[in-house]
Amino acid sequence: MRQVAESAGGVRIAYEKDGSGGGPALVLVHGWCCDRSFFAPQHEHFAEERAVVSLDLRGHGGSDRPDPGVPGS
């Protein structure tokens, strides 16, 4: 399920968190031209045994795409 967190600069970052279990959470971060859906199969697989977080970097997928002409956005 998509959730949103707000960064210190006010940019909204979309992410999904599933699973539970011992040990640290597994965080999946996509590359340059993708979004969090790129890791959907891995997210589902690893969430069976541990906490998994997949996120959309700024300007990708469901995260805010700030205006490059506005300082601080």
PDB file of N, CA and C in Angstrom:
ATOM      1  N   MET A   1       0.831  -1.181   0.000  1.00  0.00           N
ATOM      2  CA  MET A   1       0.000   0.000   0.000  1.00  0.00           C
ATOM      3  C   MET A   1       0.875   1.244   0.000  1.00  0.00           C
ATOM      4  N   ARG A   2       0.588   2.178  -0.891  1.00  0.00           N
ATOM      5  CA  ARG A   2       1.381   3.398  -1.028  1.00  0.00           C
ATOM      6  C   ARG A   2       1.179   4.309   0.175  1.00  0.00           C
ATOM      7  N   GLN A   3       2.284   4.789   0.706  1.00  0.00           N
ATOM      8  CA  GLN A   3       2.278   5.761   1.794  1.00  0.00           C
ATOM      9  C   GLN A   3       3.153   6.924   1.371  1.00  0.00           C
ATOM     10  N   VAL A   4       3.051   8.032   2.083  1.00  0.00           N
ATOM     11  CA  VAL A   4       3.835   9.217   1.734  1.00  0.00           C
ATOM     12  C   VAL A   4       4.471   9.802   2.986  1.00  0.00           C
ATOM     13  N   ALA A   5       5.740  10.172   2.866  1.00  0.00           N
ATOM     14  CA  ALA A   5       6.460  10.877   3.924  1.00  0.00           C
ATOM     15  C   ALA A   5       6.916  12.209   3.348  1.00  0.00           C
ATOM     16  N   GLU A   6       7.003  13.222   4.190  1.00  0.00           N
ATOM     17  CA  GLU A   6       7.438  14.534   3.716  1.00  0.00           C
ATOM     18  C   GLU A   6       8.876  14.763   4.156  1.00  0.00           C
ATOM     19  N   SER A   7       9.726  15.158   3.199  1.00  0.00           N
ATOM     20  CA  SER A   7      11.129  15.421   3.510  1.00  0.00           C
ATOM     21  C   SER A   7      11.265  16.768   4.209  1.00  0.00           C
ATOM     22  N   ALA A   8      12.464  17.054   4.693  1.00  0.00           N
ATOM     23  CA  ALA A   8      12.713  18.324   5.382  1.00  0.00           C
ATOM     24  C   ALA A   8      12.400  19.515   4.489  1.00  0.00           C
ATOM     25  N   GLY A   9      12.580  19.373   3.176  1.00  0.00           N
ATOM     26  CA  GLY A   9      12.304  20.461   2.249  1.00  0.00           C
ATOM     27  C   GLY A   9      10.864  20.513   1.783  1.00  0.00           C
ATOM     28  N   GLY A  10      10.007  19.646   2.336  1.00  0.00           N
ATOM     29  CA  GLY A  10       8.592  19.645   1.968  1.00  0.00           C
ATOM     30  C   GLY A  10       8.254  18.791   0.763  1.00  0.00           C
ATOM     31  N   VAL A  11       9.215  18.051   0.236  1.00  0.00           N
ATOM     32  CA  VAL A  11       8.971  17.185  -0.915  1.00  0.00           C
ATOM     33  C   VAL A  11       8.344  15.881  -0.412  1.00  0.00           C
ATOM     34  N   ARG A  12       7.240  15.474  -1.019  1.00  0.00           N
ATOM     35  CA  ARG A  12       6.554  14.251  -0.620  1.00  0.00           C
ATOM     36  C   ARG A  12       7.189  13.053  -1.323  1.00  0.00           C
ATOM     37  N   ILE A  13       7.611  12.058  -0.529  1.00  0.00           N
ATOM     38  CA  ILE A  13       8.272  10.857  -1.026  1.00  0.00           C
ATOM     39  C   ILE A  13       7.332   9.665  -0.836  1.00  0.00           C
ATOM     40  N   ALA A  14       7.006   8.994  -1.930  1.00  0.00           N
ATOM     41  CA  ALA A  14       6.115   7.832  -1.884  1.00  0.00           C
ATOM     42  C   ALA A  14       6.917   6.575  -1.558  1.00  0.00           C
ATOM     43  N   TYR A  15       6.297   5.699  -0.759  1.00  0.00           N
ATOM     44  CA  TYR A  15       6.958   4.438  -0.418  1.00  0.00           C
ATOM     45  C   TYR A  15       5.923   3.380  -0.074  1.00  0.00           C
ATOM     46  N   GLU A  16       6.374   2.144  -0.038  1.00  0.00           N
ATOM     47  CA  GLU A  16       5.569   1.011   0.410  1.00  0.00           C
ATOM     48  C   GLU A  16       6.348   0.282   1.487  1.00  0.00           C
ATOM     49  N   LYS A  17       5.641  -0.137   2.545  1.00  0.00           N
ATOM     50  CA  LYS A  17       6.276  -0.898   3.618  1.00  0.00           C
ATOM     51  C   LYS A  17       5.392  -2.101   3.912  1.00  0.00           C
ATOM     52  N   ASP A  18       5.994  -3.276   3.897  1.00  0.00           N
ATOM     53  CA  ASP A  18       5.272  -4.518   4.167  1.00  0.00           C
ATOM     54  C   ASP A  18       6.166  -5.443   4.979  1.00  0.00           C
ATOM     55  N   GLY A  19       5.553  -6.510   5.483  1.00  0.00           N
ATOM     56  CA  GLY A  19       6.291  -7.543   6.189  1.00  0.00           C
ATOM     57  C   GLY A  19       6.628  -7.160   7.609  1.00  0.00           C
ATOM     58  N   SER A  20       7.256  -8.090   8.283  1.00  0.00           N
ATOM     59  CA  SER A  20       7.720  -7.892   9.650  1.00  0.00           C
ATOM     60  C   SER A  20       8.737  -8.981   9.942  1.00  0.00           C
ATOM     61  N   GLY A  21       9.195  -9.022  11.149  1.00  0.00           N
ATOM     62  CA  GLY A  21      10.159 -10.051  11.507  1.00  0.00           C
ATOM     63  C   GLY A  21      11.405  -9.447  12.109  1.00  0.00           C
ATOM     64  N   GLY A  22      12.276 -10.333  12.527  1.00  0.00           N
ATOM     65  CA  GLY A  22      13.490  -9.883  13.177  1.00  0.00           C
ATOM     66  C   GLY A  22      14.489  -9.289  12.208  1.00  0.00           C
ATOM     67  N   GLY A  23      15.429  -8.596  12.759  1.00  0.00           N
ATOM     68  CA  GLY A  23      16.490  -8.002  11.950  1.00  0.00           C
ATOM     69  C   GLY A  23      16.089  -6.681  11.351  1.00  0.00           C
ATOM     70  N   PRO A  24      17.050  -6.017  10.758  1.00  0.00           N
ATOM     71  CA  PRO A  24      16.768  -4.710  10.160  1.00  0.00           C
ATOM     72  C   PRO A  24      15.890  -4.838   8.917  1.00  0.00           C
ATOM     73  N   ALA A  25      15.190  -3.766   8.603  1.00  0.00           N
ATOM     74  CA  ALA A  25      14.359  -3.735   7.394  1.00  0.00           C
ATOM     75  C   ALA A  25      15.255  -3.726   6.160  1.00  0.00           C
ATOM     76  N   LEU A  26      14.759  -4.305   5.092  1.00  0.00           N
ATOM     77  CA  LEU A  26      15.428  -4.279   3.800  1.00  0.00           C
ATOM     78  C   LEU A  26      14.860  -3.082   3.042  1.00  0.00           C
ATOM     79  N   VAL A  27      15.708  -2.164   2.597  1.00  0.00           N
ATOM     80  CA  VAL A  27      15.270  -0.968   1.877  1.00  0.00           C
ATOM     81  C   VAL A  27      15.691  -1.103   0.417  1.00  0.00           C
ATOM     82  N   LEU A  28      14.706  -1.032  -0.492  1.00  0.00           N
ATOM     83  CA  LEU A  28      14.962  -1.182  -1.925  1.00  0.00           C
ATOM     84  C   LEU A  28      14.863   0.196  -2.586  1.00  0.00           C
ATOM     85  N   VAL A  29      15.958   0.622  -3.217  1.00  0.00           N
ATOM     86  CA  VAL A  29      16.028   1.948  -3.851  1.00  0.00           C
ATOM     87  C   VAL A  29      16.335   1.747  -5.332  1.00  0.00           C
ATOM     88  N   HIS A  30      15.447   2.243  -6.181  1.00  0.00           N
ATOM     89  CA  HIS A  30      15.590   2.065  -7.631  1.00  0.00           C
ATOM     90  C   HIS A  30      16.684   2.951  -8.214  1.00  0.00           C
ATOM     91  N   GLY A  31      17.025   2.678  -9.462  1.00  0.00           N
ATOM     92  CA  GLY A  31      18.018   3.469 -10.187  1.00  0.00           C
ATOM     93  C   GLY A  31      17.403   4.650 -10.916  1.00  0.00           C
ATOM     94  N   TRP A  32      18.172   5.234 -11.794  1.00  0.00           N
ATOM     95  CA  TRP A  32      17.879   6.497 -12.457  1.00  0.00           C
ATOM     96  C   TRP A  32      16.527   6.562 -13.162  1.00  0.00           C
ATOM     97  N   CYS A  33      16.168   5.615 -13.961  1.00  0.00           N
ATOM     98  CA  CYS A  33      14.958   5.741 -14.788  1.00  0.00           C
ATOM     99  C   CYS A  33      13.851   4.757 -14.393  1.00  0.00           C
ATOM    100  N   CYS A  34      13.708   4.474 -13.108  1.00  0.00           N
ATOM    101  CA  CYS A  34      12.705   3.512 -12.641  1.00  0.00           C
ATOM    102  C   CYS A  34      11.859   4.142 -11.537  1.00  0.00           C
ATOM    103  N   ASP A  35      11.050   3.325 -10.914  1.00  0.00           N
ATOM    104  CA  ASP A  35      10.336   3.697  -9.703  1.00  0.00           C
ATOM    105  C   ASP A  35      10.255   2.458  -8.820  1.00  0.00           C
ATOM    106  N   ARG A  36       9.537   2.558  -7.698  1.00  0.00           N
ATOM    107  CA  ARG A  36       9.536   1.443  -6.746  1.00  0.00           C
ATOM    108  C   ARG A  36       8.942   0.164  -7.325  1.00  0.00           C
ATOM    109  N   SER A  37       8.124   0.262  -8.367  1.00  0.00           N
ATOM    110  CA  SER A  37       7.518  -0.934  -8.963  1.00  0.00           C
ATOM    111  C   SER A  37       8.569  -1.857  -9.579  1.00  0.00           C
ATOM    112  N   PHE A  38       9.754  -1.327  -9.869  1.00  0.00           N
ATOM    113  CA  PHE A  38      10.841  -2.125 -10.428  1.00  0.00           C
ATOM    114  C   PHE A  38      11.180  -3.311  -9.520  1.00  0.00           C
ATOM    115  N   PHE A  39      11.046  -3.100  -8.202  1.00  0.00           N
ATOM    116  CA  PHE A  39      11.382  -4.137  -7.228  1.00  0.00           C
ATOM    117  C   PHE A  39      10.169  -4.896  -6.711  1.00  0.00           C
ATOM    118  N   ALA A  40       9.028  -4.814  -7.348  1.00  0.00           N
ATOM    119  CA  ALA A  40       7.808  -5.461  -6.845  1.00  0.00           C
ATOM    120  C   ALA A  40       7.998  -6.951  -6.553  1.00  0.00           C
ATOM    121  N   PRO A  41       8.605  -7.735  -7.452  1.00  0.00           N
ATOM    122  CA  PRO A  41       8.778  -9.165  -7.142  1.00  0.00           C
ATOM    123  C   PRO A  41       9.674  -9.397  -5.916  1.00  0.00           C
ATOM    124  N   GLN A  42      10.760  -8.651  -5.796  1.00  0.00           N
ATOM    125  CA  GLN A  42      11.655  -8.805  -4.651  1.00  0.00           C
ATOM    126  C   GLN A  42      10.972  -8.336  -3.368  1.00  0.00           C
ATOM    127  N   HIS A  43      10.237  -7.223  -3.464  1.00  0.00           N
ATOM    128  CA  HIS A  43       9.515  -6.684  -2.310  1.00  0.00           C
ATOM    129  C   HIS A  43       8.565  -7.746  -1.754  1.00  0.00           C
ATOM    130  N   GLU A  44       7.786  -8.339  -2.621  1.00  0.00           N
ATOM    131  CA  GLU A  44       6.820  -9.364  -2.215  1.00  0.00           C
ATOM    132  C   GLU A  44       7.529 -10.583  -1.606  1.00  0.00           C
ATOM    133  N   HIS A  45       8.591 -11.028  -2.260  1.00  0.00           N
ATOM    134  CA  HIS A  45       9.325 -12.215  -1.784  1.00  0.00           C
ATOM    135  C   HIS A  45       9.902 -11.997  -0.384  1.00  0.00           C
ATOM    136  N   PHE A  46      10.650 -10.923  -0.191  1.00  0.00           N
ATOM    137  CA  PHE A  46      11.330 -10.705   1.080  1.00  0.00           C
ATOM    138  C   PHE A  46      10.370 -10.306   2.195  1.00  0.00           C
ATOM    139  N   ALA A  47       9.211  -9.720   1.860  1.00  0.00           N
ATOM    140  CA  ALA A  47       8.239  -9.325   2.887  1.00  0.00           C
ATOM    141  C   ALA A  47       7.626 -10.524   3.599  1.00  0.00           C
ATOM    142  N   GLU A  48       7.806 -11.718   3.061  1.00  0.00           N
ATOM    143  CA  GLU A  48       7.301 -12.916   3.728  1.00  0.00           C
ATOM    144  C   GLU A  48       8.064 -13.206   5.019  1.00  0.00           C
ATOM    145  N   GLU A  49       9.303 -12.711   5.130  1.00  0.00           N
ATOM    146  CA  GLU A  49      10.133 -13.025   6.287  1.00  0.00           C
ATOM    147  C   GLU A  49      10.685 -11.827   7.033  1.00  0.00           C
ATOM    148  N   ARG A  50      10.566 -10.621   6.473  1.00  0.00           N
ATOM    149  CA  ARG A  50      11.148  -9.439   7.125  1.00  0.00           C
ATOM    150  C   ARG A  50      10.450  -8.172   6.669  1.00  0.00           C
ATOM    151  N   ALA A  51      10.713  -7.079   7.340  1.00  0.00           N
ATOM    152  CA  ALA A  51      10.168  -5.783   6.930  1.00  0.00           C
ATOM    153  C   ALA A  51      10.906  -5.315   5.670  1.00  0.00           C
ATOM    154  N   VAL A  52      10.145  -4.825   4.702  1.00  0.00           N
ATOM    155  CA  VAL A  52      10.707  -4.350   3.431  1.00  0.00           C
ATOM    156  C   VAL A  52      10.103  -2.994   3.108  1.00  0.00           C
ATOM    157  N   VAL A  53      10.949  -2.058   2.690  1.00  0.00           N
ATOM    158  CA  VAL A  53      10.502  -0.729   2.270  1.00  0.00           C
ATOM    159  C   VAL A  53      11.029  -0.482   0.867  1.00  0.00           C
ATOM    160  N   SER A  54      10.128  -0.108  -0.052  1.00  0.00           N
ATOM    161  CA  SER A  54      10.503   0.302  -1.412  1.00  0.00           C
ATOM    162  C   SER A  54      10.061   1.747  -1.572  1.00  0.00           C
ATOM    163  N   LEU A  55      10.923   2.588  -2.108  1.00  0.00           N
ATOM    164  CA  LEU A  55      10.561   4.000  -2.210  1.00  0.00           C
ATOM    165  C   LEU A  55      10.763   4.533  -3.621  1.00  0.00           C
ATOM    166  N   ASP A  56      10.062   5.631  -3.893  1.00  0.00           N
ATOM    167  CA  ASP A  56      10.248   6.373  -5.141  1.00  0.00           C
ATOM    168  C   ASP A  56      11.124   7.575  -4.825  1.00  0.00           C
ATOM    169  N   LEU A  57      12.276   7.653  -5.460  1.00  0.00           N
ATOM    170  CA  LEU A  57      13.127   8.815  -5.267  1.00  0.00           C
ATOM    171  C   LEU A  57      12.423  10.076  -5.756  1.00  0.00           C
ATOM    172  N   ARG A  58      12.875  11.210  -5.287  1.00  0.00           N
ATOM    173  CA  ARG A  58      12.325  12.507  -5.677  1.00  0.00           C
ATOM    174  C   ARG A  58      12.256  12.618  -7.197  1.00  0.00           C
ATOM    175  N   GLY A  59      11.074  12.964  -7.701  1.00  0.00           N
ATOM    176  CA  GLY A  59      10.887  13.123  -9.137  1.00  0.00           C
ATOM    177  C   GLY A  59      10.550  11.840  -9.875  1.00  0.00           C
ATOM    178  N   HIS A  60      10.372  10.741  -9.174  1.00  0.00           N
ATOM    179  CA  HIS A  60      10.078   9.448  -9.791  1.00  0.00           C
ATOM    180  C   HIS A  60       8.783   8.886  -9.225  1.00  0.00           C
ATOM    181  N   GLY A  61       8.072   8.092 -10.029  1.00  0.00           N
ATOM    182  CA  GLY A  61       6.871   7.400  -9.570  1.00  0.00           C
ATOM    183  C   GLY A  61       5.880   8.309  -8.880  1.00  0.00           C
ATOM    184  N   GLY A  62       5.489   7.949  -7.651  1.00  0.00           N
ATOM    185  CA  GLY A  62       4.496   8.702  -6.902  1.00  0.00           C
ATOM    186  C   GLY A  62       5.062   9.824  -6.057  1.00  0.00           C
ATOM    187  N   SER A  63       6.376  10.059  -6.100  1.00  0.00           N
ATOM    188  CA  SER A  63       6.983  11.142  -5.330  1.00  0.00           C
ATOM    189  C   SER A  63       6.866  12.467  -6.077  1.00  0.00           C
ATOM    190  N   ASP A  64       6.938  13.564  -5.306  1.00  0.00           N
ATOM    191  CA  ASP A  64       6.854  14.900  -5.902  1.00  0.00           C
ATOM    192  C   ASP A  64       7.956  15.113  -6.928  1.00  0.00           C
ATOM    193  N   ARG A  65       7.610  15.885  -7.919  1.00  0.00           N
ATOM    194  CA  ARG A  65       8.551  16.294  -8.959  1.00  0.00           C
ATOM    195  C   ARG A  65       8.663  17.813  -8.864  1.00  0.00           C
ATOM    196  N   PRO A  66       9.532  18.309  -7.973  1.00  0.00           N
ATOM    197  CA  PRO A  66       9.636  19.752  -7.754  1.00  0.00           C
ATOM    198  C   PRO A  66      10.021  20.518  -9.004  1.00  0.00           C
ATOM    199  N   ASP A  67       9.613  21.757  -9.054  1.00  0.00           N
ATOM    200  CA  ASP A  67       9.940  22.640 -10.175  1.00  0.00           C
ATOM    201  C   ASP A  67      11.414  23.026 -10.091  1.00  0.00           C
ATOM    202  N   PRO A  68      12.235  22.682 -11.098  1.00  0.00           N
ATOM    203  CA  PRO A  68      13.664  22.981 -11.022  1.00  0.00           C
ATOM    204  C   PRO A  68      13.965  24.477 -11.012  1.00  0.00           C
ATOM    205  N   GLY A  69      12.999  25.312 -11.403  1.00  0.00           N
ATOM    206  CA  GLY A  69      13.217  26.753 -11.415  1.00  0.00           C
ATOM    207  C   GLY A  69      12.930  27.429 -10.093  1.00  0.00           C
ATOM    208  N   VAL A  70      12.468  26.661  -9.102  1.00  0.00           N
ATOM    209  CA  VAL A  70      12.130  27.233  -7.784  1.00  0.00           C
ATOM    210  C   VAL A  70      13.186  26.790  -6.783  1.00  0.00           C
ATOM    211  N   PRO A  71      13.980  27.746  -6.268  1.00  0.00           N
ATOM    212  CA  PRO A  71      15.033  27.391  -5.293  1.00  0.00           C
ATOM    213  C   PRO A  71      14.432  26.696  -4.075  1.00  0.00           C
ATOM    214  N   GLY A  72      15.102  25.642  -3.618  1.00  0.00           N
ATOM    215  CA  GLY A  72      14.669  24.929  -2.433  1.00  0.00           C
ATOM    216  C   GLY A  72      13.545  23.949  -2.653  1.00  0.00           C
ATOM    217  N   SER A  73      13.059  23.803  -3.894  1.00  0.00           N
ATOM    218  CA  SER A  73      11.958  22.863  -4.127  1.00  0.00           C
ATOM    219  C   SER A  73      12.476  21.493  -4.464  1.00  0.00           C
TER     220      SER A  73
END
